[in-house]
C-alpha atoms as a PDB file:
ATOM      1  CA  MET A   1     -72.994  18.150 -49.659  1.00  0.00           C
ATOM      2  CA  THR A   2     -71.235  17.036 -46.488  1.00  0.00           C
ATOM      3  CA  SER A   3     -72.677  16.996 -43.018  1.00  0.00           C
ATOM      4  CA  GLU A   4     -69.436  18.145 -41.350  1.00  0.00           C
ATOM      5  CA  PRO A   5     -69.169  21.661 -39.956  1.00  0.00           C
ATOM      6  CA  PRO A   6     -66.937  24.092 -41.902  1.00  0.00           C
ATOM      7  CA  ALA A   7     -64.274  24.046 -39.187  1.00  0.00           C
ATOM      8  CA  ALA A   8     -63.841  20.278 -39.561  1.00  0.00           C
ATOM      9  CA  GLN A   9     -63.480  20.597 -43.325  1.00  0.00           C
ATOM     10  CA  ASN A  10     -60.662  23.143 -42.932  1.00  0.00           C
ATOM     11  CA  ALA A  11     -58.850  20.986 -40.359  1.00  0.00           C
ATOM     12  CA  ARG A  12     -57.930  18.353 -42.919  1.00  0.00           C
ATOM     13  CA  MET A  13     -54.391  19.594 -43.469  1.00  0.00           C
ATOM     14  CA  PRO A  14     -52.078  16.602 -43.653  1.00  0.00           C
ATOM     15  CA  VAL A  15     -50.025  15.928 -40.551  1.00  0.00           C
ATOM     16  CA  ILE A  16     -46.704  16.423 -42.351  1.00  0.00           C
ATOM     17  CA  PHE A  17     -47.653  19.965 -43.390  1.00  0.00           C
ATOM     18  CA  ARG A  18     -48.826  20.803 -39.879  1.00  0.00           C
ATOM     19  CA  THR A  19     -45.582  19.451 -38.456  1.00  0.00           C
ATOM     20  CA  ILE A  20     -43.438  21.439 -40.878  1.00  0.00           C
ATOM     21  CA  ALA A  21     -45.424  24.627 -40.233  1.00  0.00           C
ATOM     22  CA  LEU A  22     -45.121  24.269 -36.458  1.00  0.00           C
ATOM     23  CA  LEU A  23     -41.379  23.595 -36.705  1.00  0.00           C
ATOM     24  CA  LEU A  24     -40.852  26.663 -38.889  1.00  0.00           C
ATOM     25  CA  ILE A  25     -42.850  28.889 -36.546  1.00  0.00           C
ATOM     26  CA  SER A  26     -40.963  27.524 -33.554  1.00  0.00           C
ATOM     27  CA  ASP A  27     -37.591  28.002 -35.241  1.00  0.00           C
ATOM     28  CA  ILE A  28     -38.348  31.611 -36.165  1.00  0.00           C
ATOM     29  CA  PHE A  29     -39.564  32.402 -32.651  1.00  0.00           C
ATOM     30  CA  MET A  30     -36.542  30.800 -30.980  1.00  0.00           C
ATOM     31  CA  THR A  31     -34.128  32.615 -33.313  1.00  0.00           C
ATOM     32  CA  PHE A  32     -35.571  36.001 -32.376  1.00  0.00           C
ATOM     33  CA  ALA A  33     -35.684  35.039 -28.691  1.00  0.00           C
ATOM     34  CA  TRP A  34     -32.034  33.904 -28.726  1.00  0.00           C
ATOM     35  CA  TYR A  35     -30.706  37.056 -30.355  1.00  0.00           C
ATOM     36  CA  ALA A  36     -32.781  39.278 -28.067  1.00  0.00           C
ATOM     37  CA  HIS A  37     -31.351  37.351 -25.117  1.00  0.00           C
ATOM     38  CA  LEU A  38     -27.784  37.902 -26.328  1.00  0.00           C
ATOM     39  CA  ARG A  39     -28.392  41.597 -26.898  1.00  0.00           C
ATOM     40  CA  ASN A  40     -29.585  42.004 -23.311  1.00  0.00           C
ATOM     41  CA  LEU A  41     -26.540  40.143 -21.959  1.00  0.00           C
ATOM     42  CA  ALA A  42     -23.925  41.810 -24.192  1.00  0.00           C
ATOM     43  CA  HIS A  43     -22.406  43.659 -21.242  1.00  0.00           C
ATOM     44  CA  ARG A  44     -22.008  40.392 -19.238  1.00  0.00           C
ATOM     45  CA  PRO A  45     -20.277  37.850 -21.523  1.00  0.00           C
ATOM     46  CA  TRP A  46     -19.071  35.827 -18.533  1.00  0.00           C
ATOM     47  CA  LEU A  47     -22.698  34.986 -17.689  1.00  0.00           C
ATOM     48  CA  ILE A  48     -23.322  33.701 -21.205  1.00  0.00           C
ATOM     49  CA  ALA A  49     -20.338  31.342 -20.875  1.00  0.00           C
ATOM     50  CA  GLN A  50     -20.903  30.273 -17.266  1.00  0.00           C
ATOM     51  CA  THR A  51     -24.571  29.287 -17.510  1.00  0.00           C
ATOM     52  CA  PRO A  52     -24.149  26.355 -19.959  1.00  0.00           C
ATOM     53  CA  ALA A  53     -20.929  25.324 -18.222  1.00  0.00           C
ATOM     54  CA  GLY A  54     -22.770  25.243 -14.894  1.00  0.00           C
ATOM     55  CA  VAL A  55     -25.589  23.142 -16.306  1.00  0.00           C
ATOM     56  CA  ALA A  56     -23.112  20.701 -17.868  1.00  0.00           C
ATOM     57  CA  GLY A  57     -21.122  20.497 -14.629  1.00  0.00           C
ATOM     58  CA  TYR A  58     -24.265  19.781 -12.640  1.00  0.00           C
ATOM     59  CA  ALA A  59     -25.296  17.020 -15.079  1.00  0.00           C
ATOM     60  CA  TYR A  60     -21.792  15.539 -14.863  1.00  0.00           C
ATOM     61  CA  ALA A  61     -21.870  15.606 -11.065  1.00  0.00           C
ATOM     62  CA  CYS A  62     -25.277  13.910 -10.969  1.00  0.00           C
ATOM     63  CA  ARG A  63     -24.022  11.043 -13.121  1.00  0.00           C
ATOM     64  CA  TRP A  64     -20.727  10.562 -11.284  1.00  0.00           C
ATOM     65  CA  LYS A  65     -22.085   7.714  -9.118  1.00  0.00           C
ATOM     66  CA  GLU A  66     -23.711   5.982 -12.084  1.00  0.00           C
ATOM     67  CA  ARG A  67     -20.330   5.426 -13.724  1.00  0.00           C
ATOM     68  CA  ARG A  68     -18.747   3.814 -10.667  1.00  0.00           C
END
């Protein structure tokens, strides 16, 4: 008989299994969130294209002085 509480005995899942489970849950959530996002922006395709381009342009502009 062990002196640990039942919650501590159940928390002994190996780290690799916890990592894989969290990654799978995260991937499923982000997939549904992405497709819901695209469905809501279907009538504005220019916004879908401009947002990443704007972020990339801003990152490029911030690093312009570093390359000189």
